Amino acid sequence: MDGTTAHSEWADDSRNSWVSKALCRTTDPDDLFVAGAAQRKAAAICRHCPVVAECLADALDNQMEFGVWGGMTERQRRALLKQHPEVGSWSEFLVTRRNRRKTG
């Protein structure tokens, strides 16, 4: 097994661990991949989700173009990516930001 395969398998395991806890896991995907004002309704599902940060980090790291992920619309995610082009790991970035808010 090469390093790429090992990383890929780790990423799959990591992703599967949070996906199984997502509040939207039983939601019809058509309700999450919507346009316009319907995106607000889709994002509302995320408000109380225990894995919202993991979902958002996954979407940003993989530059997901469509749908609501981690409570953010396509437009919001694009803006965040443009605002922070230096970020290599969105998971680390979001954890650091969350910790600063708790202590700040």
PDB file of N, CA and C in Angstrom:
ATOM      1  N   MET A   1       0.859  -1.183   0.000  1.00  0.00           N
ATOM      2  CA  MET A   1       0.000   0.000   0.000  1.00  0.00           C
ATOM      3  C   MET A   1       0.897   1.236   0.000  1.00  0.00           C
ATOM      4  N   ASP A   2       0.669   2.129  -0.926  1.00  0.00           N
ATOM      5  CA  ASP A   2       1.482   3.344  -0.974  1.00  0.00           C
ATOM      6  C   ASP A   2       0.882   4.425  -0.081  1.00  0.00           C
ATOM      7  N   GLY A   3       1.603   5.534   0.077  1.00  0.00           N
ATOM      8  CA  GLY A   3       1.146   6.618   0.948  1.00  0.00           C
ATOM      9  C   GLY A   3      -0.161   7.236   0.514  1.00  0.00           C
ATOM     10  N   THR A   4      -0.368   7.303  -0.805  1.00  0.00           N
ATOM     11  CA  THR A   4      -1.610   7.884  -1.322  1.00  0.00           C
ATOM     12  C   THR A   4      -2.795   7.022  -0.936  1.00  0.00           C
ATOM     13  N   THR A   5      -2.630   5.701  -1.081  1.00  0.00           N
ATOM     14  CA  THR A   5      -3.715   4.785  -0.726  1.00  0.00           C
ATOM     15  C   THR A   5      -3.999   4.852   0.765  1.00  0.00           C
ATOM     16  N   ALA A   6      -2.937   4.872   1.568  1.00  0.00           N
ATOM     17  CA  ALA A   6      -3.124   4.938   3.018  1.00  0.00           C
ATOM     18  C   ALA A   6      -3.863   6.210   3.403  1.00  0.00           C
ATOM     19  N   HIS A   7      -3.465   7.348   2.812  1.00  0.00           N
ATOM     20  CA  HIS A   7      -4.133   8.613   3.117  1.00  0.00           C
ATOM     21  C   HIS A   7      -5.591   8.563   2.679  1.00  0.00           C
ATOM     22  N   SER A   8      -5.830   8.022   1.513  1.00  0.00           N
ATOM     23  CA  SER A   8      -7.189   7.930   0.988  1.00  0.00           C
ATOM     24  C   SER A   8      -8.066   7.091   1.906  1.00  0.00           C
ATOM     25  N   GLU A   9      -7.538   5.965   2.375  1.00  0.00           N
ATOM     26  CA  GLU A   9      -8.313   5.107   3.272  1.00  0.00           C
ATOM     27  C   GLU A   9      -8.564   5.808   4.601  1.00  0.00           C
ATOM     28  N   TRP A  10      -7.564   6.549   5.114  1.00  0.00           N
ATOM     29  CA  TRP A  10      -7.754   7.291   6.356  1.00  0.00           C
ATOM     30  C   TRP A  10      -8.831   8.346   6.171  1.00  0.00           C
ATOM     31  N   ALA A  11      -8.775   9.055   5.052  1.00  0.00           N
ATOM     32  CA  ALA A  11      -9.759  10.106   4.778  1.00  0.00           C
ATOM     33  C   ALA A  11     -11.154   9.511   4.697  1.00  0.00           C
ATOM     34  N   ASP A  12     -11.276   8.347   4.053  1.00  0.00           N
ATOM     35  CA  ASP A  12     -12.581   7.696   3.959  1.00  0.00           C
ATOM     36  C   ASP A  12     -13.086   7.305   5.341  1.00  0.00           C
ATOM     37  N   ASP A  13     -12.197   6.735   6.187  1.00  0.00           N
ATOM     38  CA  ASP A  13     -12.595   6.357   7.541  1.00  0.00           C
ATOM     39  C   ASP A  13     -12.998   7.583   8.344  1.00  0.00           C
ATOM     40  N   SER A  14     -12.225   8.640   8.234  1.00  0.00           N
ATOM     41  CA  SER A  14     -12.520   9.876   8.951  1.00  0.00           C
ATOM     42  C   SER A  14     -13.860  10.446   8.508  1.00  0.00           C
ATOM     43  N   ARG A  15     -14.088  10.471   7.218  1.00  0.00           N
ATOM     44  CA  ARG A  15     -15.330  11.012   6.676  1.00  0.00           C
ATOM     45  C   ARG A  15     -16.515  10.158   7.121  1.00  0.00           C
ATOM     46  N   ASN A  16     -16.363   8.847   7.060  1.00  0.00           N
ATOM     47  CA  ASN A  16     -17.458   7.969   7.453  1.00  0.00           C
ATOM     48  C   ASN A  16     -17.818   8.135   8.919  1.00  0.00           C
ATOM     49  N   SER A  17     -16.840   8.461   9.755  1.00  0.00           N
ATOM     50  CA  SER A  17     -17.133   8.605  11.179  1.00  0.00           C
ATOM     51  C   SER A  17     -18.045   9.798  11.447  1.00  0.00           C
ATOM     52  N   TRP A  18     -17.883  10.900  10.735  1.00  0.00           N
ATOM     53  CA  TRP A  18     -18.759  12.050  10.984  1.00  0.00           C
ATOM     54  C   TRP A  18     -20.049  11.964  10.187  1.00  0.00           C
ATOM     55  N   VAL A  19     -20.009  11.391   9.004  1.00  0.00           N
ATOM     56  CA  VAL A  19     -21.216  11.317   8.170  1.00  0.00           C
ATOM     57  C   VAL A  19     -22.316  10.533   8.881  1.00  0.00           C
ATOM     58  N   SER A  20     -21.934   9.492   9.602  1.00  0.00           N
ATOM     59  CA  SER A  20     -22.935   8.670  10.287  1.00  0.00           C
ATOM     60  C   SER A  20     -23.636   9.424  11.417  1.00  0.00           C
ATOM     61  N   LYS A  21     -23.053  10.555  11.856  1.00  0.00           N
ATOM     62  CA  LYS A  21     -23.640  11.354  12.934  1.00  0.00           C
ATOM     63  C   LYS A  21     -24.382  12.592  12.426  1.00  0.00           C
ATOM     64  N   ALA A  22     -24.332  12.833  11.139  1.00  0.00           N
ATOM     65  CA  ALA A  22     -24.932  14.042  10.559  1.00  0.00           C
ATOM     66  C   ALA A  22     -26.456  13.996  10.635  1.00  0.00           C
ATOM     67  N   LEU A  23     -27.050  15.110  11.016  1.00  0.00           N
ATOM     68  CA  LEU A  23     -28.515  15.179  11.092  1.00  0.00           C
ATOM     69  C   LEU A  23     -29.167  15.004   9.725  1.00  0.00           C
ATOM     70  N   CYS A  24     -28.455  15.364   8.681  1.00  0.00           N
ATOM     71  CA  CYS A  24     -29.027  15.295   7.333  1.00  0.00           C
ATOM     72  C   CYS A  24     -28.890  13.921   6.687  1.00  0.00           C
ATOM     73  N   ARG A  25     -28.313  12.959   7.388  1.00  0.00           N
ATOM     74  CA  ARG A  25     -28.035  11.663   6.763  1.00  0.00           C
ATOM     75  C   ARG A  25     -29.289  10.968   6.244  1.00  0.00           C
ATOM     76  N   THR A  26     -30.442  11.300   6.794  1.00  0.00           N
ATOM     77  CA  THR A  26     -31.683  10.682   6.320  1.00  0.00           C
ATOM     78  C   THR A  26     -32.530  11.644   5.489  1.00  0.00           C
ATOM     79  N   THR A  27     -31.984  12.829   5.246  1.00  0.00           N
ATOM     80  CA  THR A  27     -32.684  13.841   4.456  1.00  0.00           C
ATOM     81  C   THR A  27     -32.539  13.533   2.975  1.00  0.00           C
ATOM     82  N   ASP A  28     -33.580  13.771   2.227  1.00  0.00           N
ATOM     83  CA  ASP A  28     -33.523  13.609   0.775  1.00  0.00           C
ATOM     84  C   ASP A  28     -32.476  14.575   0.229  1.00  0.00           C
ATOM     85  N   PRO A  29     -31.474  14.078  -0.495  1.00  0.00           N
ATOM     86  CA  PRO A  29     -30.438  14.969  -1.040  1.00  0.00           C
ATOM     87  C   PRO A  29     -31.001  16.122  -1.870  1.00  0.00           C
ATOM     88  N   ASP A  30     -32.141  15.924  -2.495  1.00  0.00           N
ATOM     89  CA  ASP A  30     -32.750  17.004  -3.274  1.00  0.00           C
ATOM     90  C   ASP A  30     -33.117  18.198  -2.398  1.00  0.00           C
ATOM     91  N   ASP A  31     -33.279  17.970  -1.092  1.00  0.00           N
ATOM     92  CA  ASP A  31     -33.588  19.061  -0.167  1.00  0.00           C
ATOM     93  C   ASP A  31     -32.337  19.852   0.229  1.00  0.00           C
ATOM     94  N   LEU A  32     -31.163  19.289  -0.020  1.00  0.00           N
ATOM     95  CA  LEU A  32     -29.906  19.947   0.345  1.00  0.00           C
ATOM     96  C   LEU A  32     -29.213  20.587  -0.848  1.00  0.00           C
ATOM     97  N   PHE A  33     -29.567  20.157  -2.028  1.00  0.00           N
ATOM     98  CA  PHE A  33     -28.969  20.696  -3.251  1.00  0.00           C
ATOM     99  C   PHE A  33     -30.018  21.532  -3.964  1.00  0.00           C
ATOM    100  N   VAL A  34     -30.259  22.711  -3.379  1.00  0.00           N
ATOM    101  CA  VAL A  34     -31.316  23.611  -3.837  1.00  0.00           C
ATOM    102  C   VAL A  34     -30.720  24.972  -4.168  1.00  0.00           C
ATOM    103  N   ALA A  35     -31.534  25.830  -4.738  1.00  0.00           N
ATOM    104  CA  ALA A  35     -31.068  27.168  -5.124  1.00  0.00           C
ATOM    105  C   ALA A  35     -31.879  28.235  -4.398  1.00  0.00           C
ATOM    106  N   GLY A  36     -31.339  29.442  -4.393  1.00  0.00           N
ATOM    107  CA  GLY A  36     -32.063  30.597  -3.876  1.00  0.00           C
ATOM    108  C   GLY A  36     -32.437  30.490  -2.416  1.00  0.00           C
ATOM    109  N   ALA A  37     -33.622  30.985  -2.103  1.00  0.00           N
ATOM    110  CA  ALA A  37     -34.097  31.060  -0.724  1.00  0.00           C
ATOM    111  C   ALA A  37     -34.240  29.690  -0.072  1.00  0.00           C
ATOM    112  N   ALA A  38     -34.407  28.654  -0.856  1.00  0.00           N
ATOM    113  CA  ALA A  38     -34.537  27.303  -0.305  1.00  0.00           C
ATOM    114  C   ALA A  38     -33.261  26.864   0.408  1.00  0.00           C
ATOM    115  N   GLN A  39     -32.152  27.524   0.113  1.00  0.00           N
ATOM    116  CA  GLN A  39     -30.891  27.186   0.776  1.00  0.00           C
ATOM    117  C   GLN A  39     -30.945  27.507   2.266  1.00  0.00           C
ATOM    118  N   ARG A  40     -31.678  28.544   2.627  1.00  0.00           N
ATOM    119  CA  ARG A  40     -31.812  28.880   4.054  1.00  0.00           C
ATOM    120  C   ARG A  40     -32.495  27.755   4.813  1.00  0.00           C
ATOM    121  N   LYS A  41     -33.516  27.197   4.208  1.00  0.00           N
ATOM    122  CA  LYS A  41     -34.233  26.086   4.835  1.00  0.00           C
ATOM    123  C   LYS A  41     -33.307  24.877   4.964  1.00  0.00           C
ATOM    124  N   ALA A  42     -32.537  24.623   3.929  1.00  0.00           N
ATOM    125  CA  ALA A  42     -31.593  23.502   3.968  1.00  0.00           C
ATOM    126  C   ALA A  42     -30.541  23.726   5.049  1.00  0.00           C
ATOM    127  N   ALA A  43     -30.030  24.939   5.156  1.00  0.00           N
ATOM    128  CA  ALA A  43     -28.995  25.255   6.146  1.00  0.00           C
ATOM    129  C   ALA A  43     -29.531  25.162   7.573  1.00  0.00           C
ATOM    130  N   ALA A  44     -30.829  25.333   7.747  1.00  0.00           N
ATOM    131  CA  ALA A  44     -31.425  25.254   9.083  1.00  0.00           C
ATOM    132  C   ALA A  44     -31.237  23.867   9.694  1.00  0.00           C
ATOM    133  N   ILE A  45     -31.166  22.856   8.862  1.00  0.00           N
ATOM    134  CA  ILE A  45     -30.934  21.490   9.345  1.00  0.00           C
ATOM    135  C   ILE A  45     -29.599  21.425  10.082  1.00  0.00           C
ATOM    136  N   CYS A  46     -28.644  22.209   9.626  1.00  0.00           N
ATOM    137  CA  CYS A  46     -27.276  22.172  10.165  1.00  0.00           C
ATOM    138  C   CYS A  46     -27.142  22.824  11.538  1.00  0.00           C
ATOM    139  N   ARG A  47     -28.054  23.683  11.904  1.00  0.00           N
ATOM    140  CA  ARG A  47     -27.895  24.489  13.124  1.00  0.00           C
ATOM    141  C   ARG A  47     -27.630  23.673  14.376  1.00  0.00           C
ATOM    142  N   HIS A  48     -28.267  22.525  14.489  1.00  0.00           N
ATOM    143  CA  HIS A  48     -28.122  21.711  15.692  1.00  0.00           C
ATOM    144  C   HIS A  48     -27.355  20.421  15.424  1.00  0.00           C
ATOM    145  N   CYS A  49     -26.696  20.363  14.296  1.00  0.00           N
ATOM    146  CA  CYS A  49     -25.967  19.153  13.916  1.00  0.00           C
ATOM    147  C   CYS A  49     -24.667  19.044  14.718  1.00  0.00           C
ATOM    148  N   PRO A  50     -24.392  17.871  15.274  1.00  0.00           N
ATOM    149  CA  PRO A  50     -23.173  17.709  16.070  1.00  0.00           C
ATOM    150  C   PRO A  50     -21.888  17.674  15.243  1.00  0.00           C
ATOM    151  N   VAL A  51     -22.005  17.538  13.934  1.00  0.00           N
ATOM    152  CA  VAL A  51     -20.808  17.438  13.084  1.00  0.00           C
ATOM    153  C   VAL A  51     -20.767  18.536  12.024  1.00  0.00           C
ATOM    154  N   VAL A  52     -21.346  19.676  12.327  1.00  0.00           N
ATOM    155  CA  VAL A  52     -21.403  20.773  11.355  1.00  0.00           C
ATOM    156  C   VAL A  52     -20.002  21.230  10.944  1.00  0.00           C
ATOM    157  N   ALA A  53     -19.068  21.297  11.886  1.00  0.00           N
ATOM    158  CA  ALA A  53     -17.702  21.741  11.561  1.00  0.00           C
ATOM    159  C   ALA A  53     -16.994  20.734  10.663  1.00  0.00           C
ATOM    160  N   GLU A  54     -17.168  19.453  10.948  1.00  0.00           N
ATOM    161  CA  GLU A  54     -16.544  18.414  10.134  1.00  0.00           C
ATOM    162  C   GLU A  54     -17.093  18.438   8.714  1.00  0.00           C
ATOM    163  N   CYS A  55     -18.388  18.647   8.604  1.00  0.00           N
ATOM    164  CA  CYS A  55     -19.049  18.721   7.303  1.00  0.00           C
ATOM    165  C   CYS A  55     -18.530  19.910   6.499  1.00  0.00           C
ATOM    166  N   LEU A  56     -18.465  21.062   7.145  1.00  0.00           N
ATOM    167  CA  LEU A  56     -17.978  22.259   6.468  1.00  0.00           C
ATOM    168  C   LEU A  56     -16.523  22.091   6.045  1.00  0.00           C
ATOM    169  N   ALA A  57     -15.688  21.555   6.935  1.00  0.00           N
ATOM    170  CA  ALA A  57     -14.276  21.346   6.607  1.00  0.00           C
ATOM    171  C   ALA A  57     -14.130  20.405   5.421  1.00  0.00           C
ATOM    172  N   ASP A  58     -14.917  19.351   5.398  1.00  0.00           N
ATOM    173  CA  ASP A  58     -14.859  18.397   4.287  1.00  0.00           C
ATOM    174  C   ASP A  58     -15.249  19.074   2.977  1.00  0.00           C
ATOM    175  N   ALA A  59     -16.297  19.872   3.023  1.00  0.00           N
ATOM    176  CA  ALA A  59     -16.754  20.568   1.815  1.00  0.00           C
ATOM    177  C   ALA A  59     -15.718  21.572   1.322  1.00  0.00           C
ATOM    178  N   LEU A  60     -15.090  22.286   2.241  1.00  0.00           N
ATOM    179  CA  LEU A  60     -14.084  23.279   1.859  1.00  0.00           C
ATOM    180  C   LEU A  60     -12.802  22.607   1.371  1.00  0.00           C
ATOM    181  N   ASP A  61     -12.353  21.574   2.081  1.00  0.00           N
ATOM    182  CA  ASP A  61     -11.137  20.865   1.667  1.00  0.00           C
ATOM    183  C   ASP A  61     -11.294  20.234   0.290  1.00  0.00           C
ATOM    184  N   ASN A  62     -12.506  19.790  -0.020  1.00  0.00           N
ATOM    185  CA  ASN A  62     -12.763  19.128  -1.301  1.00  0.00           C
ATOM    186  C   ASN A  62     -13.412  20.049  -2.325  1.00  0.00           C
ATOM    187  N   GLN A  63     -13.528  21.329  -1.967  1.00  0.00           N
ATOM    188  CA  GLN A  63     -14.106  22.358  -2.834  1.00  0.00           C
ATOM    189  C   GLN A  63     -15.416  21.899  -3.488  1.00  0.00           C
ATOM    190  N   MET A  64     -16.337  21.467  -2.620  1.00  0.00           N
ATOM    191  CA  MET A  64     -17.657  21.049  -3.087  1.00  0.00           C
ATOM    192  C   MET A  64     -18.356  22.264  -3.688  1.00  0.00           C
ATOM    193  N   GLU A  65     -18.777  22.129  -4.914  1.00  0.00           N
ATOM    194  CA  GLU A  65     -19.362  23.271  -5.622  1.00  0.00           C
ATOM    195  C   GLU A  65     -20.844  23.465  -5.351  1.00  0.00           C
ATOM    196  N   PHE A  66     -21.554  22.394  -5.100  1.00  0.00           N
ATOM    197  CA  PHE A  66     -23.006  22.480  -5.026  1.00  0.00           C
ATOM    198  C   PHE A  66     -23.533  22.014  -3.681  1.00  0.00           C
ATOM    199  N   GLY A  67     -24.692  22.548  -3.316  1.00  0.00           N
ATOM    200  CA  GLY A  67     -25.386  22.115  -2.119  1.00  0.00           C
ATOM    201  C   GLY A  67     -25.001  22.890  -0.872  1.00  0.00           C
ATOM    202  N   VAL A  68     -25.763  22.644   0.176  1.00  0.00           N
ATOM    203  CA  VAL A  68     -25.497  23.221   1.489  1.00  0.00           C
ATOM    204  C   VAL A  68     -24.674  22.198   2.261  1.00  0.00           C
ATOM    205  N   TRP A  69     -23.539  22.631   2.753  1.00  0.00           N
ATOM    206  CA  TRP A  69     -22.632  21.778   3.526  1.00  0.00           C
ATOM    207  C   TRP A  69     -22.205  22.563   4.762  1.00  0.00           C
ATOM    208  N   GLY A  70     -22.290  21.949   5.918  1.00  0.00           N
ATOM    209  CA  GLY A  70     -21.834  22.615   7.136  1.00  0.00           C
ATOM    210  C   GLY A  70     -22.548  23.921   7.410  1.00  0.00           C
ATOM    211  N   GLY A  71     -23.775  24.024   6.967  1.00  0.00           N
ATOM    212  CA  GLY A  71     -24.565  25.227   7.210  1.00  0.00           C
ATOM    213  C   GLY A  71     -24.264  26.379   6.277  1.00  0.00           C
ATOM    214  N   MET A  72     -23.416  26.150   5.278  1.00  0.00           N
ATOM    215  CA  MET A  72     -23.050  27.231   4.359  1.00  0.00           C
ATOM    216  C   MET A  72     -23.491  26.914   2.935  1.00  0.00           C
ATOM    217  N   THR A  73     -23.935  27.950   2.264  1.00  0.00           N
ATOM    218  CA  THR A  73     -24.340  27.828   0.863  1.00  0.00           C
ATOM    219  C   THR A  73     -23.101  27.828  -0.027  1.00  0.00           C
ATOM    220  N   GLU A  74     -23.322  27.537  -1.284  1.00  0.00           N
ATOM    221  CA  GLU A  74     -22.227  27.549  -2.266  1.00  0.00           C
ATOM    222  C   GLU A  74     -21.525  28.902  -2.273  1.00  0.00           C
ATOM    223  N   ARG A  75     -22.305  29.947  -2.317  1.00  0.00           N
ATOM    224  CA  ARG A  75     -21.755  31.307  -2.366  1.00  0.00           C
ATOM    225  C   ARG A  75     -20.941  31.618  -1.106  1.00  0.00           C
ATOM    226  N   GLN A  76     -21.454  31.248   0.047  1.00  0.00           N
ATOM    227  CA  GLN A  76     -20.742  31.501   1.299  1.00  0.00           C
ATOM    228  C   GLN A  76     -19.411  30.748   1.351  1.00  0.00           C
ATOM    229  N   ARG A  77     -19.421  29.501   0.880  1.00  0.00           N
ATOM    230  CA  ARG A  77     -18.175  28.727   0.876  1.00  0.00           C
ATOM    231  C   ARG A  77     -17.159  29.311  -0.098  1.00  0.00           C
ATOM    232  N   ARG A  78     -17.615  29.725  -1.268  1.00  0.00           N
ATOM    233  CA  ARG A  78     -16.699  30.353  -2.239  1.00  0.00           C
ATOM    234  C   ARG A  78     -16.063  31.605  -1.643  1.00  0.00           C
ATOM    235  N   ALA A  79     -16.867  32.406  -0.958  1.00  0.00           N
ATOM    236  CA  ALA A  79     -16.347  33.634  -0.337  1.00  0.00           C
ATOM    237  C   ALA A  79     -15.306  33.300   0.729  1.00  0.00           C
ATOM    238  N   LEU A  80     -15.566  32.281   1.520  1.00  0.00           N
ATOM    239  CA  LEU A  80     -14.626  31.881   2.561  1.00  0.00           C
ATOM    240  C   LEU A  80     -13.321  31.361   1.956  1.00  0.00           C
ATOM    241  N   LEU A  81     -13.419  30.594   0.886  1.00  0.00           N
ATOM    242  CA  LEU A  81     -12.218  30.104   0.202  1.00  0.00           C
ATOM    243  C   LEU A  81     -11.396  31.263  -0.358  1.00  0.00           C
ATOM    244  N   LYS A  82     -12.068  32.268  -0.912  1.00  0.00           N
ATOM    245  CA  LYS A  82     -11.357  33.441  -1.444  1.00  0.00           C
ATOM    246  C   LYS A  82     -10.734  34.271  -0.329  1.00  0.00           C
ATOM    247  N   GLN A  83     -11.434  34.351   0.800  1.00  0.00           N
ATOM    248  CA  GLN A  83     -10.968  35.152   1.931  1.00  0.00           C
ATOM    249  C   GLN A  83      -9.729  34.532   2.588  1.00  0.00           C
ATOM    250  N   HIS A  84      -9.611  33.212   2.527  1.00  0.00           N
ATOM    251  CA  HIS A  84      -8.506  32.512   3.195  1.00  0.00           C
ATOM    252  C   HIS A  84      -7.818  31.526   2.250  1.00  0.00           C
ATOM    253  N   PRO A  85      -7.154  32.023   1.201  1.00  0.00           N
ATOM    254  CA  PRO A  85      -6.492  31.110   0.260  1.00  0.00           C
ATOM    255  C   PRO A  85      -5.297  30.385   0.877  1.00  0.00           C
ATOM    256  N   GLU A  86      -4.826  30.872   2.015  1.00  0.00           N
ATOM    257  CA  GLU A  86      -3.662  30.278   2.666  1.00  0.00           C
ATOM    258  C   GLU A  86      -3.978  28.994   3.427  1.00  0.00           C
ATOM    259  N   VAL A  87      -5.243  28.705   3.649  1.00  0.00           N
ATOM    260  CA  VAL A  87      -5.622  27.560   4.473  1.00  0.00           C
ATOM    261  C   VAL A  87      -5.324  26.255   3.738  1.00  0.00           C
ATOM    262  N   GLY A  88      -4.556  25.393   4.409  1.00  0.00           N
ATOM    263  CA  GLY A  88      -4.235  24.082   3.848  1.00  0.00           C
ATOM    264  C   GLY A  88      -5.168  23.008   4.369  1.00  0.00           C
ATOM    265  N   SER A  89      -5.603  23.159   5.614  1.00  0.00           N
ATOM    266  CA  SER A  89      -6.526  22.205   6.229  1.00  0.00           C
ATOM    267  C   SER A  89      -7.653  22.988   6.892  1.00  0.00           C
ATOM    268  N   TRP A  90      -8.827  22.875   6.329  1.00  0.00           N
ATOM    269  CA  TRP A  90      -9.963  23.597   6.899  1.00  0.00           C
ATOM    270  C   TRP A  90     -10.372  23.021   8.242  1.00  0.00           C
ATOM    271  N   SER A  91     -10.140  21.756   8.449  1.00  0.00           N
ATOM    272  CA  SER A  91     -10.454  21.154   9.737  1.00  0.00           C
ATOM    273  C   SER A  91      -9.631  21.819  10.835  1.00  0.00           C
ATOM    274  N   GLU A  92      -8.317  21.944  10.613  1.00  0.00           N
ATOM    275  CA  GLU A  92      -7.450  22.609  11.590  1.00  0.00           C
ATOM    276  C   GLU A  92      -7.836  24.075  11.760  1.00  0.00           C
ATOM    277  N   PHE A  93      -8.114  24.748  10.675  1.00  0.00           N
ATOM    278  CA  PHE A  93      -8.484  26.161  10.717  1.00  0.00           C
ATOM    279  C   PHE A  93      -9.746  26.372  11.553  1.00  0.00           C
ATOM    280  N   LEU A  94     -10.762  25.549  11.323  1.00  0.00           N
ATOM    281  CA  LEU A  94     -12.029  25.707  12.038  1.00  0.00           C
ATOM    282  C   LEU A  94     -11.883  25.374  13.519  1.00  0.00           C
ATOM    283  N   VAL A  95     -11.080  24.365  13.842  1.00  0.00           N
ATOM    284  CA  VAL A  95     -10.849  24.019  15.248  1.00  0.00           C
ATOM    285  C   VAL A  95     -10.129  25.168  15.951  1.00  0.00           C
ATOM    286  N   THR A  96      -9.104  25.720  15.310  1.00  0.00           N
ATOM    287  CA  THR A  96      -8.359  26.845  15.884  1.00  0.00           C
ATOM    288  C   THR A  96      -9.272  28.040  16.103  1.00  0.00           C
ATOM    289  N   ARG A  97     -10.099  28.340  15.121  1.00  0.00           N
ATOM    290  CA  ARG A  97     -11.019  29.476  15.229  1.00  0.00           C
ATOM    291  C   ARG A  97     -12.030  29.266  16.356  1.00  0.00           C
ATOM    292  N   ARG A  98     -12.534  28.043  16.465  1.00  0.00           N
ATOM    293  CA  ARG A  98     -13.503  27.733  17.522  1.00  0.00           C
ATOM    294  C   ARG A  98     -12.846  27.874  18.897  1.00  0.00           C
ATOM    295  N   ASN A  99     -11.610  27.396  19.035  1.00  0.00           N
ATOM    296  CA  ASN A  99     -10.897  27.499  20.316  1.00  0.00           C
ATOM    297  C   ASN A  99     -10.618  28.948  20.688  1.00  0.00           C
ATOM    298  N   ARG A 100     -10.310  29.776  19.705  1.00  0.00           N
ATOM    299  CA  ARG A 100     -10.081  31.206  19.978  1.00  0.00           C
ATOM    300  C   ARG A 100     -11.345  31.873  20.502  1.00  0.00           C
ATOM    301  N   ARG A 101     -12.472  31.498  19.925  1.00  0.00           N
ATOM    302  CA  ARG A 101     -13.746  32.086  20.377  1.00  0.00           C
ATOM    303  C   ARG A 101     -14.052  31.686  21.812  1.00  0.00           C
ATOM    304  N   LYS A 102     -13.736  30.435  22.163  1.00  0.00           N
ATOM    305  CA  LYS A 102     -14.007  29.954  23.516  1.00  0.00           C
ATOM    306  C   LYS A 102     -13.134  30.654  24.549  1.00  0.00           C
ATOM    307  N   THR A 103     -11.881  30.911  24.193  1.00  0.00           N
ATOM    308  CA  THR A 103     -10.952  31.519  25.149  1.00  0.00           C
ATOM    309  C   THR A 103     -10.915  33.035  25.054  1.00  0.00           C
ATOM    310  N   GLY A 104     -11.383  33.579  23.928  1.00  0.00           N
ATOM    311  CA  GLY A 104     -11.304  35.026  23.699  1.00  0.00           C
ATOM    312  C   GLY A 104     -12.479  35.713  24.204  1.00  0.00           C
TER     313      GLY A 104
END
